[in-house]
Amino acid sequence: MYNLQEEFNLSSGNFHLEPGEYPGPLVIGRPCVLDGGGATLWADRGPVLDIRAPGVTVRNLRVEVTGPRGSADTAIRTSDPRTALEDVSVCGNVAGLAGETWRLPAAADLGEFAPDQENTFLLELEAPAPAQLLCSLRDVALSPSCLVAGRNRVVIQVGPLRDNTILYGELLVRTAVTRRIYLTGRARMGAAPNRGDRPVSTEQAGSGAELPPEEIIPPMGEGGAYMTRGQRLTLEGSGTLKAAYSHQYAESGIEVDPYVFLLREDGRAASDQDLLFFSHPEDRGVRIAPTSNASVVLVDPEKLPPQVSRVAICYSVYGEEARQNFSRVDAPLVRLFQGAEELCRFPLSELRGEKTVVALELYRHKGGWKLNFVGAGYHSGLRRLCESYGIQVE
């Protein structure tokens, strides 16, 4: 098994990584340049990168705490306040450098707002030091574009969006490192226009609680039959179905997110509330739970409303760049559990340039439920898939 710490200890001088994902933690015990080459270093708990020597420069690297505490934990810790960070992004805090201990929300939810007109929102952020503020969405403008030390009131201006359009993007906070706040919302007919008269609802980073048992993914063993595209499986008995996605490797900048669609008999969603994702992770018997280097979708068939005939579990590579697709992901796999029993495994093989895949569908059949292993990929991405189900995404 590859051991990054061992490889670093056996090397001398500067240390270079190839693009990809590397499990940490990593301890730097000598002066050097650590060039991440665009790679991601991650661990369940911090510190993920522990710098214990003077004269260290870290560049071109993403460092993430992926466990329950998330950005509330320490991503980078250094014993030298002169450590240089260049083009480094983090999920978590930076300890040992002045002005780098932040308490940012993990997400800012704009809620529902009026379509076909401009909406204004107010986001309050506390900054320990000055920072640049940017947004990844073309229809969103921020003012001011720079934060000052202390309390900041940021005006978020959202341009006119069509009815039922879902807003999903990132706010980037840049100092010596880059941090992310996920920005979500919905344009919906009948919702009141927002004039910035109240603060945006925010989701704080994890509190440090352990994962509930149903979200824990058991280690890979020898059991579990492998399914192929087109196969179907009848669910016996009752209990929550758990679909656990993981992959062996993904290039830097590649993030795979789960999306769940609750569909009627005609194969379409009744409303945008029938799409579950990062900002709407739980509703009517379905819950999405991110875990380290993976994601878990939990479906309790007994809690699904009667008008829901089919549940489509999908995965999409986040981002608009052409290179952000499944060709950059090695060995994507969905494992299916019912209770503590592993039912089967479904490799999402033969994906090339697709950005989105419908992995499997759970559907009603003769008073019970069956699984259809679909594995169909779409080059056009998540927006096209949502539209096919009757949902619009910005």
Protein backbone atom coordinates (compact mmCIF):
# COMPACT_ATOMS: atom_id res chain seq x y z
CA MET A 1 0.00 0.00 0.00
CA TYR A 2 1.32 3.46 -0.94
CA ASN A 3 2.65 5.42 2.03
CA LEU A 4 3.28 9.12 1.38
CA GLN A 5 5.06 9.67 4.68
CA GLU A 6 7.48 6.84 3.98
CA GLU A 7 8.21 8.17 0.49
CA PHE A 8 8.92 11.63 1.91
CA ASN A 9 11.20 10.26 4.63
CA LEU A 10 13.24 8.31 2.06
CA SER A 11 13.68 11.40 -0.15
CA SER A 12 16.03 14.36 0.23
CA GLY A 13 15.79 17.98 -0.78
CA ASN A 14 12.57 19.28 -2.32
CA PHE A 15 9.55 17.00 -2.66
CA HIS A 16 7.17 16.88 -5.62
CA LEU A 17 3.75 15.22 -5.95
CA GLU A 18 1.98 14.10 -9.08
CA PRO A 19 -1.64 15.28 -9.53
CA GLY A 20 -4.07 13.10 -7.57
CA GLU A 21 -5.40 12.43 -4.07
CA TYR A 22 -3.11 11.38 -1.24
CA PRO A 23 -4.22 10.18 2.22
CA GLY A 24 -2.42 11.95 5.05
CA PRO A 25 -1.31 13.03 7.50
CA LEU A 26 2.10 14.16 6.29
CA VAL A 27 4.81 15.45 8.64
CA ILE A 28 7.49 17.76 7.14
CA GLY A 29 10.61 17.51 9.27
CA ARG A 30 13.23 19.24 7.10
CA PRO A 31 13.58 22.53 5.20
CA CYS A 32 12.27 22.01 1.67
CA VAL A 33 9.82 23.05 -1.02
CA LEU A 34 6.73 20.84 -1.09
CA ASP A 35 5.27 21.19 -4.58
CA GLY A 36 1.84 19.54 -4.65
CA GLY A 37 1.50 19.74 -8.44
CA GLY A 38 -2.22 20.43 -7.96
CA ALA A 39 -2.74 17.36 -5.76
CA THR A 40 -5.06 16.97 -2.77
CA LEU A 41 -3.80 15.81 0.64
CA TRP A 42 -6.59 14.66 2.95
CA ALA A 43 -7.22 13.00 6.30
CA ASP A 44 -10.19 12.38 8.61
CA ARG A 45 -8.61 14.44 11.38
CA GLY A 46 -6.16 17.29 11.56
CA PRO A 47 -3.48 18.30 11.29
CA VAL A 48 -3.36 16.91 7.76
CA LEU A 49 -0.06 18.67 6.96
CA ASP A 50 2.22 19.08 9.99
CA ILE A 51 5.27 21.31 9.35
CA ARG A 52 7.92 20.87 12.04
CA ALA A 53 10.94 22.54 10.40
CA PRO A 54 11.91 26.09 9.42
CA GLY A 55 12.43 27.12 5.82
CA VAL A 56 9.47 25.23 4.34
CA THR A 57 7.51 26.42 1.30
CA VAL A 58 4.27 24.71 0.28
CA ARG A 59 2.78 25.40 -3.13
CA ASN A 60 0.14 24.09 -5.56
CA LEU A 61 -1.63 21.91 -2.99
CA ARG A 62 -5.12 21.39 -1.59
CA VAL A 63 -5.27 20.23 2.04
CA GLU A 64 -8.58 18.90 3.41
CA VAL A 65 -10.00 17.62 6.68
CA THR A 66 -12.69 15.20 5.51
CA GLY A 67 -13.98 13.91 8.86
CA PRO A 68 -16.99 15.10 10.90
CA ARG A 69 -15.33 18.32 12.12
CA GLY A 70 -14.51 19.47 8.58
CA SER A 71 -13.32 23.06 8.39
CA ALA A 72 -13.46 23.40 12.20
CA ASP A 73 -10.38 21.16 12.43
CA THR A 74 -6.75 22.02 11.59
CA ALA A 75 -5.69 21.37 8.00
CA ILE A 76 -2.15 22.79 8.25
CA ARG A 77 -0.05 23.25 11.38
CA THR A 78 3.39 24.86 11.35
CA SER A 79 5.98 25.54 14.04
CA ASP A 80 7.56 28.31 11.95
CA PRO A 81 5.58 31.56 11.48
CA ARG A 82 7.66 32.25 8.35
CA THR A 83 6.35 29.17 6.51
CA ALA A 84 5.45 30.21 2.95
CA LEU A 85 2.15 29.07 1.38
CA GLU A 86 1.70 29.66 -2.35
CA ASP A 87 -1.44 28.69 -4.28
CA VAL A 88 -2.66 26.52 -1.41
CA SER A 89 -6.35 25.86 -0.65
CA VAL A 90 -7.68 24.34 2.55
CA CYS A 91 -10.75 22.82 4.13
CA GLY A 92 -9.84 23.46 7.74
CA ASN A 93 -7.76 25.95 9.67
CA VAL A 94 -4.10 26.93 9.45
CA ALA A 95 -2.37 26.96 12.85
CA GLY A 96 0.88 28.80 13.45
CA LEU A 97 0.48 31.62 10.93
CA ALA A 98 -0.90 35.00 11.95
CA GLY A 99 -4.38 35.79 10.61
CA GLU A 100 -5.09 32.27 9.35
CA THR A 101 -7.44 30.96 12.06
CA TRP A 102 -10.88 31.47 10.51
CA ARG A 103 -14.39 30.45 11.55
CA LEU A 104 -16.19 30.56 8.21
CA PRO A 105 -19.52 28.87 7.59
CA ALA A 106 -19.41 25.72 5.46
CA ALA A 107 -22.40 26.93 3.42
CA ALA A 108 -24.62 29.97 2.88
CA ASP A 109 -28.21 29.18 1.86
CA LEU A 110 -30.12 31.99 0.15
CA GLY A 111 -33.34 30.00 0.44
CA GLU A 112 -36.20 30.60 -2.02
CA PHE A 113 -36.43 33.93 -3.83
CA ALA A 114 -38.48 35.52 -6.60
CA PRO A 115 -37.61 34.51 -10.20
CA ASP A 116 -37.11 36.85 -13.20
CA GLN A 117 -35.81 39.76 -11.13
CA GLU A 118 -32.75 40.79 -9.16
CA ASN A 119 -32.52 39.67 -5.53
CA THR A 120 -30.22 41.08 -2.86
CA PHE A 121 -28.90 39.21 0.18
CA LEU A 122 -26.79 40.13 3.19
CA LEU A 123 -24.03 37.79 4.41
CA GLU A 124 -22.21 38.52 7.67
CA LEU A 125 -18.63 37.21 7.92
CA GLU A 126 -16.05 37.56 10.67
CA ALA A 127 -12.48 37.94 9.34
CA PRO A 128 -9.30 37.74 11.45
CA ALA A 129 -7.34 39.41 8.63
CA PRO A 130 -7.94 41.10 5.25
CA ALA A 131 -8.93 38.76 2.41
CA GLN A 132 -10.12 38.78 -1.19
CA LEU A 133 -13.69 37.57 -1.83
CA LEU A 134 -14.83 36.03 -5.13
CA CYS A 135 -17.75 33.98 -6.48
CA SER A 136 -17.70 31.18 -9.05
CA LEU A 137 -21.20 31.96 -10.43
CA ARG A 138 -21.61 34.37 -13.35
CA ASP A 139 -25.01 35.67 -12.18
CA VAL A 140 -23.78 36.60 -8.70
CA ALA A 141 -21.98 39.84 -7.76
CA LEU A 142 -20.36 40.54 -4.38
CA SER A 143 -19.77 43.87 -2.64
CA PRO A 144 -17.27 44.53 -1.24
CA SER A 145 -14.83 42.25 -3.04
CA CYS A 146 -12.36 42.43 -0.15
CA LEU A 147 -12.89 41.64 3.54
CA VAL A 148 -11.33 43.68 6.33
CA ALA A 149 -10.28 42.41 9.74
CA GLY A 150 -13.35 42.27 11.96
CA ARG A 151 -17.05 41.99 11.12
CA ASN A 152 -18.02 42.32 7.44
CA ARG A 153 -21.44 42.77 5.82
CA VAL A 154 -21.27 41.37 2.29
CA VAL A 155 -24.01 42.22 -0.21
CA ILE A 156 -24.80 39.35 -2.58
CA GLN A 157 -26.56 40.48 -5.76
CA VAL A 158 -28.22 37.67 -7.75
CA GLY A 159 -29.31 38.46 -11.30
CA PRO A 160 -32.70 37.40 -12.74
CA LEU A 161 -33.11 33.61 -12.83
CA ARG A 162 -35.88 31.50 -14.33
CA ASP A 163 -38.47 29.83 -12.15
CA ASN A 164 -37.28 26.59 -10.49
CA THR A 165 -33.61 27.39 -11.13
CA ILE A 166 -31.29 26.01 -8.44
CA LEU A 167 -28.27 28.11 -7.51
CA TYR A 168 -25.17 26.11 -6.53
CA GLY A 169 -21.62 27.46 -6.46
CA GLU A 170 -18.78 28.68 -4.26
CA LEU A 171 -17.62 31.81 -2.51
CA LEU A 172 -13.81 31.91 -2.40
CA VAL A 173 -12.02 33.61 0.49
CA ARG A 174 -8.35 34.19 -0.36
CA THR A 175 -5.50 35.09 1.96
CA ALA A 176 -2.25 33.12 1.86
CA VAL A 177 -4.62 30.21 1.26
CA THR A 178 -8.02 29.80 -0.40
CA ARG A 179 -11.11 28.75 1.55
CA ARG A 180 -14.58 27.88 0.21
CA ILE A 181 -18.14 28.64 1.30
CA TYR A 182 -20.78 26.77 -0.70
CA LEU A 183 -23.57 29.07 -1.94
CA THR A 184 -27.03 27.64 -2.62
CA GLY A 185 -30.58 28.86 -3.26
CA ARG A 186 -33.66 28.51 -5.46
CA ALA A 187 -35.65 30.85 -7.68
CA ARG A 188 -39.28 29.87 -7.20
CA MET A 189 -42.57 31.34 -8.39
CA GLY A 190 -44.52 32.79 -5.48
CA ALA A 191 -41.46 33.49 -3.34
CA ALA A 192 -40.97 37.06 -2.20
CA PRO A 193 -38.16 39.14 -3.70
CA ASN A 194 -35.24 39.54 -1.33
CA ARG A 195 -33.99 43.08 -0.72
CA GLY A 196 -31.13 42.31 1.64
CA ASP A 197 -33.07 43.18 4.78
CA ARG A 198 -32.02 40.09 6.74
CA PRO A 199 -28.81 38.01 7.03
CA VAL A 200 -28.37 34.85 4.98
CA SER A 201 -28.77 31.53 6.80
CA THR A 202 -25.40 29.83 7.23
CA GLU A 203 -24.31 26.28 8.09
CA GLN A 204 -21.39 26.14 10.47
CA ALA A 205 -18.54 23.66 10.26
CA GLY A 206 -18.79 20.34 12.06
CA SER A 207 -19.00 20.27 15.84
CA GLY A 208 -16.75 17.26 16.30
CA ALA A 209 -19.49 14.64 16.76
CA GLU A 210 -18.73 11.12 15.65
CA LEU A 211 -20.46 9.70 12.61
CA PRO A 212 -23.72 7.84 13.32
CA PRO A 213 -23.43 4.07 12.71
CA GLU A 214 -25.54 4.12 9.54
CA GLU A 215 -23.09 6.52 7.88
CA ILE A 216 -20.01 4.38 8.53
CA ILE A 217 -18.78 2.45 5.50
CA PRO A 218 -17.38 -0.98 6.46
CA PRO A 219 -13.96 -1.81 5.00
CA MET A 220 -13.85 -3.79 1.76
CA GLY A 221 -13.88 -7.52 2.38
CA GLU A 222 -14.18 -10.53 0.13
CA GLY A 223 -17.97 -10.63 0.26
CA GLY A 224 -20.41 -8.81 -1.97
CA ALA A 225 -21.51 -9.92 -5.43
CA TYR A 226 -20.58 -7.66 -8.34
CA MET A 227 -23.42 -6.38 -10.52
CA THR A 228 -23.30 -5.21 -14.13
CA ARG A 229 -25.31 -2.71 -16.16
CA GLY A 230 -28.90 -3.75 -16.75
CA GLN A 231 -29.09 -6.25 -13.92
CA ARG A 232 -31.95 -6.00 -11.44
CA LEU A 233 -32.26 -7.06 -7.84
CA THR A 234 -35.38 -7.53 -5.71
CA LEU A 235 -35.09 -6.14 -2.19
CA GLU A 236 -36.12 -8.70 0.40
CA GLY A 237 -37.52 -7.70 3.77
CA SER A 238 -37.39 -4.16 5.09
CA GLY A 239 -34.78 -1.73 6.31
CA THR A 240 -32.85 1.25 5.09
CA LEU A 241 -30.92 0.90 1.85
CA LYS A 242 -27.41 2.40 1.98
CA ALA A 243 -25.56 3.28 -1.24
CA ALA A 244 -21.91 4.05 -0.48
CA TYR A 245 -19.89 5.64 -3.28
CA SER A 246 -16.09 5.72 -3.31
CA HIS A 247 -13.19 5.72 -5.77
CA GLN A 248 -9.56 4.69 -5.58
CA TYR A 249 -8.13 7.84 -7.12
CA ALA A 250 -9.16 11.18 -8.59
CA GLU A 251 -7.02 13.89 -10.09
CA SER A 252 -6.65 17.21 -8.31
CA GLY A 253 -9.70 19.46 -8.66
CA ILE A 254 -12.06 16.52 -9.26
CA GLU A 255 -14.93 16.24 -6.78
CA VAL A 256 -17.75 13.72 -7.19
CA ASP A 257 -21.04 14.72 -5.55
CA PRO A 258 -24.21 12.62 -5.06
CA TYR A 259 -27.63 13.74 -6.33
CA VAL A 260 -30.90 11.94 -5.62
CA PHE A 261 -34.11 12.48 -7.60
CA LEU A 262 -37.55 11.51 -6.25
CA LEU A 263 -39.62 10.74 -9.33
CA ARG A 264 -43.28 10.14 -10.12
CA GLU A 265 -44.56 7.30 -12.29
CA ASP A 266 -43.95 9.43 -15.40
CA GLY A 267 -40.25 9.65 -14.54
CA ARG A 268 -40.29 13.36 -13.64
CA ALA A 269 -39.96 15.25 -10.39
CA ALA A 270 -43.05 16.98 -9.02
CA SER A 271 -40.98 20.03 -7.92
CA ASP A 272 -37.42 21.12 -7.25
CA GLN A 273 -37.89 19.84 -3.68
CA ASP A 274 -37.57 16.36 -5.20
CA LEU A 275 -33.86 16.91 -5.83
CA LEU A 276 -31.61 16.12 -2.87
CA PHE A 277 -28.00 17.28 -2.87
CA PHE A 278 -25.43 19.15 -0.73
CA SER A 279 -27.77 21.99 0.23
CA HIS A 280 -30.93 19.87 0.56
CA PRO A 281 -29.53 16.63 1.99
CA GLU A 282 -32.56 15.16 3.76
CA ASP A 283 -36.25 14.84 2.91
CA ARG A 284 -39.04 12.21 3.09
CA GLY A 285 -37.03 9.08 3.77
CA VAL A 286 -33.83 10.03 1.89
CA ARG A 287 -30.62 11.41 3.37
CA ILE A 288 -27.21 12.25 1.89
CA ALA A 289 -24.22 12.05 4.22
CA PRO A 290 -20.70 12.95 3.03
CA THR A 291 -17.88 10.92 4.58
CA SER A 292 -14.13 10.85 4.03
CA ASN A 293 -13.30 10.26 0.35
CA ALA A 294 -16.82 8.93 -0.18
CA SER A 295 -20.53 9.67 0.18
CA VAL A 296 -23.46 7.75 1.58
CA VAL A 297 -27.06 7.86 0.35
CA LEU A 298 -29.61 6.42 2.79
CA VAL A 299 -33.10 5.51 1.53
CA ASP A 300 -35.88 4.20 3.77
CA PRO A 301 -38.54 2.88 1.33
CA GLU A 302 -41.21 2.81 4.05
CA LYS A 303 -40.92 6.60 4.50
CA LEU A 304 -41.17 7.48 0.82
CA PRO A 305 -44.48 9.18 -0.05
CA PRO A 306 -46.85 7.12 -2.22
CA GLN A 307 -46.50 9.45 -5.22
CA VAL A 308 -42.78 8.64 -5.43
CA SER A 309 -42.49 5.64 -7.74
CA ARG A 310 -38.77 5.77 -8.43
CA VAL A 311 -35.60 7.03 -6.72
CA ALA A 312 -32.65 7.78 -9.01
CA ILE A 313 -29.22 7.87 -7.35
CA CYS A 314 -26.75 9.85 -9.47
CA TYR A 315 -23.22 11.17 -9.21
CA SER A 316 -21.73 14.22 -10.93
CA VAL A 317 -18.23 15.65 -11.23
CA TYR A 318 -18.40 19.20 -9.90
CA GLY A 319 -17.23 22.07 -12.12
CA GLU A 320 -17.67 23.49 -15.62
CA GLU A 321 -14.20 22.81 -17.04
CA ALA A 322 -14.03 20.28 -19.87
CA ARG A 323 -11.41 18.23 -18.00
CA GLN A 324 -13.72 17.82 -14.99
CA ASN A 325 -15.27 14.47 -15.88
CA PHE A 326 -15.12 10.79 -14.95
CA SER A 327 -12.08 10.12 -17.14
CA ARG A 328 -10.12 11.65 -14.24
CA VAL A 329 -11.60 9.21 -11.69
CA ASP A 330 -10.18 5.72 -11.17
CA ALA A 331 -12.39 2.78 -10.15
CA PRO A 332 -15.62 4.50 -9.06
CA LEU A 333 -17.71 2.01 -7.10
CA VAL A 334 -21.11 1.90 -5.40
CA ARG A 335 -21.60 -0.60 -2.58
CA LEU A 336 -25.17 -1.45 -1.53
CA PHE A 337 -26.12 -2.36 2.04
CA GLN A 338 -29.41 -3.26 3.71
CA GLY A 339 -28.95 -2.92 7.43
CA ALA A 340 -25.55 -4.44 8.26
CA GLU A 341 -25.60 -6.77 5.24
CA GLU A 342 -23.69 -5.88 2.09
CA LEU A 343 -25.99 -6.80 -0.79
CA CYS A 344 -23.70 -6.17 -3.74
CA ARG A 345 -21.17 -3.91 -5.46
CA PHE A 346 -21.64 -1.98 -8.67
CA PRO A 347 -18.52 -0.72 -10.48
CA LEU A 348 -19.24 2.38 -12.57
CA SER A 349 -16.97 1.13 -15.32
CA GLU A 350 -16.58 2.27 -18.92
CA LEU A 351 -17.02 5.95 -18.04
CA ARG A 352 -14.80 8.21 -20.15
CA GLY A 353 -15.64 11.86 -20.75
CA GLU A 354 -19.01 11.78 -18.98
CA LYS A 355 -19.60 14.39 -16.27
CA THR A 356 -22.69 12.77 -14.73
CA VAL A 357 -23.85 9.19 -14.24
CA VAL A 358 -27.19 7.69 -13.23
CA ALA A 359 -25.81 4.88 -11.09
CA LEU A 360 -28.95 3.03 -10.04
CA GLU A 361 -32.69 3.34 -9.56
CA LEU A 362 -34.89 2.04 -6.78
CA TYR A 363 -38.43 1.51 -8.06
CA ARG A 364 -41.77 0.07 -6.92
CA HIS A 365 -42.59 -3.42 -8.18
CA LYS A 366 -45.59 -5.58 -7.24
CA GLY A 367 -45.96 -4.12 -3.77
CA GLY A 368 -42.22 -4.20 -3.09
CA TRP A 369 -39.02 -2.58 -4.35
CA LYS A 370 -36.42 -3.50 -6.94
CA LEU A 371 -33.03 -2.10 -7.90
CA ASN A 372 -32.05 -1.36 -11.48
CA PHE A 373 -28.30 -1.00 -12.05
CA VAL A 374 -28.18 1.66 -14.76
CA GLY A 375 -24.63 3.02 -14.98
CA ALA A 376 -25.55 5.43 -17.80
CA GLY A 377 -23.26 8.44 -18.17
CA TYR A 378 -24.00 11.85 -19.69
CA HIS A 379 -21.40 14.13 -21.27
CA SER A 380 -23.67 17.18 -20.96
CA GLY A 381 -23.50 17.12 -17.18
CA LEU A 382 -25.86 17.68 -14.28
CA ARG A 383 -27.88 20.54 -15.77
CA ARG A 384 -29.09 18.41 -18.68
CA LEU A 385 -29.98 15.52 -16.37
CA CYS A 386 -31.96 17.82 -14.08
CA GLU A 387 -33.87 19.25 -17.03
CA SER A 388 -34.77 15.75 -18.19
CA TYR A 389 -36.36 15.23 -14.77
CA GLY A 390 -38.16 18.60 -14.94
CA ILE A 391 -35.77 20.61 -12.73
CA GLN A 392 -33.72 23.65 -13.78
CA VAL A 393 -30.25 24.31 -12.30
CA GLU A 394 -28.13 27.47 -12.59
